[in-house]
Amino acid sequence: MSKLDRIFSPRQIRGMASVYLPMIQKYSFRDSKGRYVLCWDYGRYVNHSFSPNCLTTAYDFEVAIRDIEVGEQLTNHYGYLNLEPMKLLTDNGNEEQWVTKEDVLKHFPEWDDELRKALKSSESVEQPLSAFLNSRMRKVLKKLQKDPSKMVSIKTCYYEGGTTSKTSERKVEKQL
């Protein structure tokens, strides 16, 4: 998350005028603590794909997991954003498939592998957006680039609804 993102508790959302709710629902996601995060930047326009070119990390930043061509849209899998279940078209556009927040519980092993590979290879690629990371986060990124096996799983992004994994939160905090 960026310093410019707006973060709302569920209580704040319930207290909002109904005119704001469609925007919150469309442009925000829920973090592992159940808060609603409204991105200030173009992150709110990242589209869903069942074969995404970006994935999030337990450290509140996204990673490109493969080369992205000029003009290609940025995509992630909405299954780790703790959203209400939604039916989306598959990447070929021929059929619909459900995306639920539980998808992260199904796919975290493969997504973790993709993230570790991307983190390792990112060391040799210029990272112009790293300026948006605070100094502690940049240090974590450098450590993970050198040893991706220390990465905390994307599974920790899962919000069960009222509970978060204190063990997972401590792992992330320890690295920060």
Protein backbone atom coordinates (compact mmCIF):
# COMPACT_ATOMS: atom_id res chain seq x y z
CA MET A 1 0.00 0.00 0.00
CA SER A 2 1.07 3.54 -0.67
CA LYS A 3 1.05 6.46 1.73
CA LEU A 4 -1.56 8.00 -0.55
CA ASP A 5 -3.98 5.06 -0.46
CA ARG A 6 -7.12 5.56 1.60
CA ILE A 7 -7.78 2.85 4.17
CA PHE A 8 -11.26 2.41 5.64
CA SER A 9 -12.42 0.15 8.44
CA PRO A 10 -15.62 -1.84 7.93
CA ARG A 11 -17.24 0.50 10.47
CA GLN A 12 -16.30 3.55 8.39
CA ILE A 13 -17.74 1.89 5.28
CA ARG A 14 -21.02 1.18 7.08
CA GLY A 15 -21.19 4.86 8.09
CA MET A 16 -20.77 6.20 4.54
CA ALA A 17 -23.55 7.64 2.44
CA SER A 18 -24.79 5.04 -0.02
CA VAL A 19 -23.59 7.11 -2.99
CA TYR A 20 -19.98 6.15 -2.11
CA LEU A 21 -20.51 2.42 -1.77
CA PRO A 22 -20.44 1.52 -5.50
CA MET A 23 -17.07 3.28 -5.85
CA ILE A 24 -15.66 1.58 -2.76
CA GLN A 25 -16.93 -1.77 -3.99
CA LYS A 26 -15.52 -1.28 -7.51
CA TYR A 27 -12.15 0.31 -6.74
CA SER A 28 -11.07 -1.09 -3.39
CA PHE A 29 -9.88 -4.41 -2.04
CA ARG A 30 -9.70 -5.82 1.46
CA ASP A 31 -6.37 -6.42 3.11
CA SER A 32 -5.57 -9.28 5.47
CA LYS A 33 -6.97 -7.24 8.37
CA GLY A 34 -10.31 -6.74 6.63
CA ARG A 35 -9.79 -3.05 5.94
CA TYR A 36 -10.92 -1.59 2.62
CA VAL A 37 -8.02 -0.14 0.61
CA LEU A 38 -8.84 2.43 -2.04
CA CYS A 39 -5.79 2.80 -4.29
CA TRP A 40 -4.76 6.33 -5.18
CA ASP A 41 -2.89 5.29 -8.31
CA TYR A 42 -3.61 3.28 -11.41
CA GLY A 43 -3.67 0.11 -9.32
CA ARG A 44 -7.42 0.49 -9.20
CA TYR A 45 -7.49 -0.12 -12.95
CA VAL A 46 -5.58 -3.41 -12.89
CA ASN A 47 -7.80 -6.01 -14.51
CA HIS A 48 -8.41 -9.61 -13.53
CA SER A 49 -6.84 -12.54 -15.34
CA PHE A 50 -6.75 -16.23 -14.57
CA SER A 51 -3.17 -16.06 -15.93
CA PRO A 52 -2.05 -12.73 -14.46
CA ASN A 53 1.18 -10.90 -15.22
CA CYS A 54 1.38 -9.46 -11.67
CA LEU A 55 0.82 -10.84 -8.18
CA THR A 56 0.77 -9.21 -4.78
CA THR A 57 3.06 -10.03 -1.90
CA ALA A 58 2.53 -10.21 1.84
CA TYR A 59 4.45 -6.91 1.95
CA ASP A 60 1.79 -4.74 0.30
CA PHE A 61 3.45 -4.37 -3.08
CA GLU A 62 2.82 -6.04 -6.42
CA VAL A 63 5.41 -7.86 -8.50
CA ALA A 64 5.44 -8.48 -12.23
CA ILE A 65 5.78 -12.26 -12.54
CA ARG A 66 6.74 -12.16 -16.20
CA ASP A 67 7.79 -9.66 -18.83
CA ILE A 68 4.99 -7.29 -19.73
CA GLU A 69 4.85 -6.00 -23.29
CA VAL A 70 4.47 -2.32 -24.12
CA GLY A 71 0.75 -1.56 -24.28
CA GLU A 72 -0.24 -4.78 -22.49
CA GLN A 73 -2.64 -4.27 -19.61
CA LEU A 74 -1.56 -5.06 -16.08
CA THR A 75 -3.48 -7.97 -14.60
CA ASN A 76 -3.70 -9.83 -11.34
CA HIS A 77 -5.93 -12.57 -10.02
CA TYR A 78 -8.72 -11.03 -7.95
CA GLY A 79 -8.76 -14.18 -5.79
CA TYR A 80 -6.34 -12.67 -3.27
CA LEU A 81 -8.15 -9.35 -2.86
CA ASN A 82 -10.78 -10.60 -0.38
CA LEU A 83 -13.64 -9.46 -2.58
CA GLU A 84 -17.20 -10.72 -2.69
CA PRO A 85 -17.55 -13.72 -5.05
CA MET A 86 -17.89 -12.65 -8.67
CA LYS A 87 -18.38 -14.39 -11.96
CA LEU A 88 -15.81 -13.26 -14.56
CA LEU A 89 -15.08 -14.24 -18.11
CA THR A 90 -12.15 -16.58 -18.58
CA ASP A 91 -9.11 -15.17 -20.38
CA ASN A 92 -10.37 -16.47 -23.72
CA GLY A 93 -13.69 -14.70 -23.08
CA ASN A 94 -15.76 -17.78 -23.93
CA GLU A 95 -17.02 -18.85 -20.52
CA GLU A 96 -17.58 -17.55 -17.01
CA GLN A 97 -15.82 -18.71 -13.89
CA TRP A 98 -16.28 -17.79 -10.25
CA VAL A 99 -13.54 -15.87 -8.44
CA THR A 100 -13.67 -15.98 -4.65
CA LYS A 101 -11.38 -14.87 -1.87
CA GLU A 102 -10.74 -18.57 -1.14
CA ASP A 103 -8.85 -18.82 -4.45
CA VAL A 104 -5.73 -17.67 -2.60
CA LEU A 105 -6.04 -20.73 -0.35
CA LYS A 106 -6.14 -22.96 -3.45
CA HIS A 107 -3.44 -21.28 -5.51
CA PHE A 108 -0.92 -19.96 -2.99
CA PRO A 109 1.68 -22.72 -3.60
CA GLU A 110 1.94 -21.95 -7.33
CA TRP A 111 1.65 -18.19 -6.77
CA ASP A 112 4.40 -18.31 -4.13
CA ASP A 113 6.65 -20.15 -6.61
CA GLU A 114 5.97 -17.53 -9.28
CA LEU A 115 6.67 -14.72 -6.80
CA ARG A 116 9.95 -16.26 -5.65
CA LYS A 117 11.14 -16.60 -9.26
CA ALA A 118 10.10 -13.03 -10.05
CA LEU A 119 11.77 -11.63 -6.94
CA LYS A 120 15.00 -13.44 -7.75
CA SER A 121 15.08 -12.19 -11.34
CA SER A 122 13.98 -8.66 -10.34
CA GLU A 123 17.41 -8.03 -8.86
CA SER A 124 18.85 -7.64 -12.35
CA VAL A 125 16.06 -5.37 -13.66
CA GLU A 126 15.69 -1.66 -12.94
CA GLN A 127 12.89 -1.05 -10.44
CA PRO A 128 11.71 2.54 -11.07
CA LEU A 129 8.66 2.16 -8.83
CA SER A 130 10.78 1.19 -5.81
CA ALA A 131 10.87 4.90 -4.98
CA PHE A 132 7.29 4.45 -3.75
CA LEU A 133 8.44 1.90 -1.17
CA ASN A 134 9.58 3.19 2.20
CA SER A 135 13.21 2.54 3.15
CA ARG A 136 12.34 -0.46 5.33
CA MET A 137 10.35 -2.01 2.48
CA ARG A 138 13.22 -1.44 0.01
CA LYS A 139 15.53 -3.29 2.41
CA VAL A 140 13.06 -6.18 2.58
CA LEU A 141 12.88 -6.23 -1.23
CA LYS A 142 16.69 -6.39 -1.47
CA LYS A 143 16.78 -9.27 1.04
CA LEU A 144 14.07 -11.16 -0.82
CA GLN A 145 15.83 -10.62 -4.15
CA LYS A 146 18.94 -12.25 -2.68
CA ASP A 147 17.04 -15.05 -0.91
CA PRO A 148 13.44 -15.48 -2.08
CA SER A 149 13.02 -18.53 0.14
CA LYS A 150 12.56 -16.09 3.06
CA MET A 151 9.41 -14.67 1.45
CA VAL A 152 6.22 -14.80 3.52
CA SER A 153 3.45 -16.55 1.56
CA ILE A 154 0.79 -14.71 -0.44
CA LYS A 155 -1.59 -16.86 1.61
CA THR A 156 -1.22 -14.31 4.42
CA CYS A 157 -3.28 -11.87 2.32
CA TYR A 158 -6.37 -13.97 3.06
CA TYR A 159 -8.92 -12.31 5.32
CA GLU A 160 -11.20 -14.83 6.94
CA GLY A 161 -13.66 -12.26 8.22
CA GLY A 162 -13.00 -11.11 11.74
CA THR A 163 -9.71 -12.94 12.19
CA THR A 164 -6.23 -12.65 10.81
CA SER A 165 -3.26 -14.87 11.31
CA LYS A 166 -1.17 -13.31 14.09
CA THR A 167 1.68 -15.69 13.24
CA SER A 168 1.72 -14.50 9.63
CA GLU A 169 1.54 -10.85 10.69
CA ARG A 170 4.52 -11.38 13.02
CA LYS A 171 6.53 -13.00 10.20
CA VAL A 172 5.99 -9.99 7.96
CA GLU A 173 6.64 -7.50 10.78
CA LYS A 174 9.85 -9.33 11.71
CA GLN A 175 11.20 -8.86 8.19
CA LEU A 176 10.26 -5.18 8.23
